């Protein structure tokens, strides 16, 4: 069987054809090299507490991260495609996320979305459904790093850096926000009351990890093995 060629999906303009017809997917010859593979080493670190570490850290390794955008007059059409293809209801309000077996879709702004998926073929399948007249896709899989922080002290650690009210009544489950942590910009998604997914630019991943783990030392933390 011939391997599927890999390539970046470039932002497309209405007046031009797609910049690349190179296929994406699970059969690609090249694979993702994760930013924290040599840094996020499994183990228990920091303060030792009778109740165990106050939080867990896990490098996220999704197959695909996509940024999607609609034109000013195609927001409804793009959302209809996303809803049907991802089997979810696209949130009406920016700053919210919807989750399905196909992935997590975060609404970053009106007509702007971030999709995180374990389906390596989803880029190609969406390209086949979303015409250039409807919207644009940009593959961020190699451009972002993801970290999941969870546990009873997860919010305490994040509050050392982010300027967001993380009280569950203010930042509810499913909420999404963009902020910064020690001058590193991040996207933050609350998965449940004590679990947050964080996404940062790949080039800042190691610096961000060092700042995050330093903030976690007083609570004790465990670095988990990626699935």
Protein backbone atom coordinates (compact mmCIF):
# COMPACT_ATOMS: atom_id res chain seq x y z
CA UNK A 1 0.00 0.00 0.00
CA UNK A 2 1.38 3.41 -0.94
CA UNK A 3 1.90 5.75 2.04
CA UNK A 4 -0.16 8.91 2.23
CA UNK A 5 1.90 12.05 1.70
CA UNK A 6 1.83 14.65 4.45
CA UNK A 7 1.67 18.38 4.18
CA UNK A 8 0.54 21.54 5.90
CA UNK A 9 -2.94 22.81 5.18
CA UNK A 10 -2.53 26.47 4.38
CA UNK A 11 -5.06 29.22 4.93
CA UNK A 12 -7.07 29.63 1.73
CA UNK A 13 -8.53 32.74 0.14
CA UNK A 14 -11.87 32.79 -1.65
CA UNK A 15 -10.32 34.04 -4.86
CA UNK A 16 -7.68 31.30 -5.01
CA UNK A 17 -7.78 27.49 -5.02
CA UNK A 18 -6.47 25.57 -1.99
CA UNK A 19 -2.76 26.21 -1.51
CA UNK A 20 -2.04 22.51 -1.19
CA UNK A 21 -3.76 19.34 -2.29
CA UNK A 22 -1.34 17.16 -0.32
CA UNK A 23 -3.24 14.64 1.74
CA UNK A 24 -3.20 14.50 5.51
CA UNK A 25 -4.11 11.62 7.77
CA UNK A 26 -3.17 8.67 9.90
CA UNK A 27 -1.27 7.10 7.01
CA UNK A 28 1.18 9.99 6.67
CA UNK A 29 4.82 9.05 6.25
CA UNK A 30 5.92 11.58 8.87
CA UNK A 31 4.55 11.55 12.39
CA UNK A 32 4.19 14.17 15.08
CA UNK A 33 7.17 14.76 17.34
CA UNK A 34 5.75 15.99 20.62
CA UNK A 35 7.31 19.04 22.22
CA UNK A 36 7.60 17.63 25.76
CA UNK A 37 8.61 14.08 24.91
CA UNK A 38 12.05 14.57 26.50
CA UNK A 39 10.92 16.93 29.27
CA UNK A 40 7.70 15.60 30.82
CA UNK A 41 9.21 12.53 32.44
CA UNK A 42 6.77 10.34 34.42
CA UNK A 43 7.27 10.36 38.17
CA UNK A 44 6.28 12.06 41.43
CA UNK A 45 7.86 15.42 42.24
CA UNK A 46 7.72 18.17 44.82
CA UNK A 47 6.26 18.14 48.32
CA UNK A 48 5.36 14.80 49.87
CA UNK A 49 1.87 14.81 51.34
CA UNK A 50 -0.02 12.14 53.26
CA UNK A 51 -2.96 12.46 50.88
CA UNK A 52 -0.70 12.11 47.84
CA UNK A 53 0.24 14.61 45.12
CA UNK A 54 -2.09 17.57 44.76
CA UNK A 55 -2.23 17.33 41.00
CA UNK A 56 -1.37 15.31 37.92
CA UNK A 57 0.24 16.58 34.72
CA UNK A 58 -0.06 14.87 31.36
CA UNK A 59 1.29 15.83 27.96
CA UNK A 60 -1.61 15.69 25.52
CA UNK A 61 -0.87 13.95 22.25
CA UNK A 62 -3.83 14.48 19.92
CA UNK A 63 -3.53 13.34 16.34
CA UNK A 64 -4.80 16.64 14.98
CA UNK A 65 -5.25 20.29 15.96
CA UNK A 66 -7.07 22.50 13.48
CA UNK A 67 -7.92 26.17 13.42
CA UNK A 68 -11.07 26.83 11.42
CA UNK A 69 -12.62 30.09 10.33
CA UNK A 70 -15.75 31.21 8.53
CA UNK A 71 -16.18 34.18 6.23
CA UNK A 72 -18.42 37.00 7.53
CA UNK A 73 -21.43 35.59 5.68
CA UNK A 74 -20.76 31.84 6.05
CA UNK A 75 -20.69 31.28 9.82
CA UNK A 76 -23.97 29.35 9.81
CA UNK A 77 -22.95 27.19 6.86
CA UNK A 78 -19.60 26.27 8.42
CA UNK A 79 -21.17 25.49 11.78
CA UNK A 80 -23.73 23.24 10.09
CA UNK A 81 -20.90 21.24 8.48
CA UNK A 82 -18.98 21.02 11.75
CA UNK A 83 -22.07 19.99 13.69
CA UNK A 84 -22.91 17.23 11.22
CA UNK A 85 -19.36 15.97 10.73
CA UNK A 86 -18.29 16.05 14.38
CA UNK A 87 -21.65 14.86 15.74
CA UNK A 88 -22.00 17.73 18.20
CA UNK A 89 -23.86 20.98 18.71
CA UNK A 90 -21.62 23.98 18.11
CA UNK A 91 -21.85 26.34 21.12
CA UNK A 92 -23.63 29.61 20.38
CA UNK A 93 -21.42 31.66 22.70
CA UNK A 94 -17.67 32.14 22.19
CA UNK A 95 -15.62 30.86 25.09
CA UNK A 96 -17.40 27.50 25.20
CA UNK A 97 -16.49 24.01 23.99
CA UNK A 98 -18.43 21.00 22.77
CA UNK A 99 -17.12 17.44 23.00
CA UNK A 100 -17.91 14.33 20.96
CA UNK A 101 -16.07 11.10 20.10
CA UNK A 102 -14.67 12.99 17.08
CA UNK A 103 -12.94 15.60 19.23
CA UNK A 104 -13.27 18.84 21.17
CA UNK A 105 -14.45 21.94 19.32
CA UNK A 106 -13.69 25.24 21.06
CA UNK A 107 -15.36 28.46 19.94
CA UNK A 108 -12.64 31.08 20.24
CA UNK A 109 -14.56 34.00 18.70
CA UNK A 110 -17.56 34.41 16.39
CA UNK A 111 -16.77 32.23 13.37
CA UNK A 112 -13.41 31.09 14.78
CA UNK A 113 -12.85 27.58 16.13
CA UNK A 114 -10.12 25.29 17.48
CA UNK A 115 -10.56 21.55 16.98
CA UNK A 116 -8.54 18.99 18.93
CA UNK A 117 -9.04 15.40 17.78
CA UNK A 118 -7.56 11.93 18.12
CA UNK A 119 -8.74 11.15 14.59
CA UNK A 120 -5.75 11.46 12.29
CA UNK A 121 -7.94 11.46 9.18
CA UNK A 122 -10.24 14.29 10.22
CA UNK A 123 -8.26 17.01 8.42
CA UNK A 124 -8.69 15.37 5.04
CA UNK A 125 -12.35 14.56 5.62
CA UNK A 126 -13.11 18.16 6.61
CA UNK A 127 -11.20 19.50 3.60
CA UNK A 128 -13.48 17.41 1.41
CA UNK A 129 -16.59 18.94 3.02
CA UNK A 130 -15.61 22.58 3.54
CA UNK A 131 -15.39 24.49 0.26
CA UNK A 132 -13.12 27.51 0.06
CA UNK A 133 -16.26 29.64 -0.29
CA UNK A 134 -17.41 28.41 3.13
CA UNK A 135 -14.34 28.59 5.34
CA UNK A 136 -10.65 28.02 5.93
CA UNK A 137 -8.59 25.42 7.78
CA UNK A 138 -5.09 25.70 9.19
CA UNK A 139 -3.33 22.65 10.62
CA UNK A 140 -1.73 23.53 13.98
CA UNK A 141 -0.74 19.97 14.91
CA UNK A 142 2.99 20.75 14.76
CA UNK A 143 2.58 24.29 16.09
CA UNK A 144 1.00 23.71 19.50
CA UNK A 145 1.73 21.69 22.63
CA UNK A 146 -0.97 20.46 25.00
CA UNK A 147 -0.88 19.76 28.74
CA UNK A 148 -3.64 18.45 30.99
CA UNK A 149 -3.53 19.51 34.63
CA UNK A 150 -5.91 17.84 37.05
CA UNK A 151 -6.41 17.31 40.76
CA UNK A 152 -7.52 19.11 43.89
CA UNK A 153 -4.84 21.82 43.54
CA UNK A 154 -4.98 22.28 39.76
CA UNK A 155 -6.79 25.63 39.96
CA UNK A 156 -4.46 26.81 42.76
CA UNK A 157 -1.44 26.26 40.51
CA UNK A 158 -3.02 27.97 37.51
CA UNK A 159 -4.03 30.98 39.59
CA UNK A 160 -0.35 31.67 40.21
CA UNK A 161 -0.16 32.81 36.60
CA UNK A 162 -3.45 33.22 34.76
CA UNK A 163 -5.65 36.27 35.28
CA UNK A 164 -8.97 34.42 35.14
CA UNK A 165 -11.47 33.78 37.91
CA UNK A 166 -11.35 29.97 38.03
CA UNK A 167 -14.12 29.61 40.58
CA UNK A 168 -16.42 26.92 39.20
CA UNK A 169 -19.33 29.37 39.34
CA UNK A 170 -17.50 31.85 37.11
CA UNK A 171 -15.46 29.56 34.86
CA UNK A 172 -17.83 26.65 34.44
CA UNK A 173 -17.20 23.20 32.97
CA UNK A 174 -16.80 23.56 29.21
CA UNK A 175 -15.50 27.13 29.41
CA UNK A 176 -12.62 28.23 27.18
CA UNK A 177 -10.40 31.30 27.56
CA UNK A 178 -7.17 32.74 26.27
CA UNK A 179 -4.76 34.06 28.87
CA UNK A 180 -1.09 33.86 29.78
CA UNK A 181 1.02 32.15 32.41
CA UNK A 182 4.36 33.78 33.22
CA UNK A 183 4.21 35.70 29.92
CA UNK A 184 3.45 32.58 27.85
CA UNK A 185 0.15 32.83 25.98
CA UNK A 186 -2.19 29.88 26.37
CA UNK A 187 -5.64 28.57 25.57
CA UNK A 188 -7.37 27.05 28.59
CA UNK A 189 -10.32 24.64 28.50
CA UNK A 190 -12.04 23.42 31.66
CA UNK A 191 -12.86 19.73 31.19
CA UNK A 192 -14.43 19.22 34.62
CA UNK A 193 -14.27 20.82 38.05
CA UNK A 194 -10.63 19.86 38.66
CA UNK A 195 -9.29 19.22 35.13
CA UNK A 196 -7.98 21.77 32.63
CA UNK A 197 -6.46 21.34 29.16
CA UNK A 198 -3.83 23.93 28.24
CA UNK A 199 -2.48 24.68 24.76
CA UNK A 200 0.61 26.81 24.12
CA UNK A 201 2.83 27.65 21.18
CA UNK A 202 5.25 24.79 20.64
CA UNK A 203 8.33 27.01 20.89
CA UNK A 204 7.37 28.01 24.45
CA UNK A 205 6.34 24.53 25.60
CA UNK A 206 9.45 23.69 27.64
CA UNK A 207 9.58 27.12 29.30
CA UNK A 208 5.89 26.87 30.11
CA UNK A 209 6.33 23.37 31.53
CA UNK A 210 9.16 24.57 33.77
CA UNK A 211 7.07 27.49 35.08
CA UNK A 212 4.04 25.25 35.63
CA UNK A 213 5.94 22.53 37.47
CA UNK A 214 7.75 25.11 39.61
CA UNK A 215 4.36 26.49 40.65
CA UNK A 216 3.20 22.95 41.47
CA UNK A 217 6.12 21.99 43.74
CA UNK A 218 4.47 23.02 47.02
CA UNK A 219 1.49 20.74 46.37
CA UNK A 220 3.40 17.79 44.96
CA UNK A 221 2.61 16.59 41.46
CA UNK A 222 2.75 13.43 39.39
CA UNK A 223 3.68 13.39 35.72
CA UNK A 224 1.61 10.75 33.98
CA UNK A 225 2.63 8.59 31.02
CA UNK A 226 0.90 9.68 27.78
CA UNK A 227 -1.49 7.10 26.35
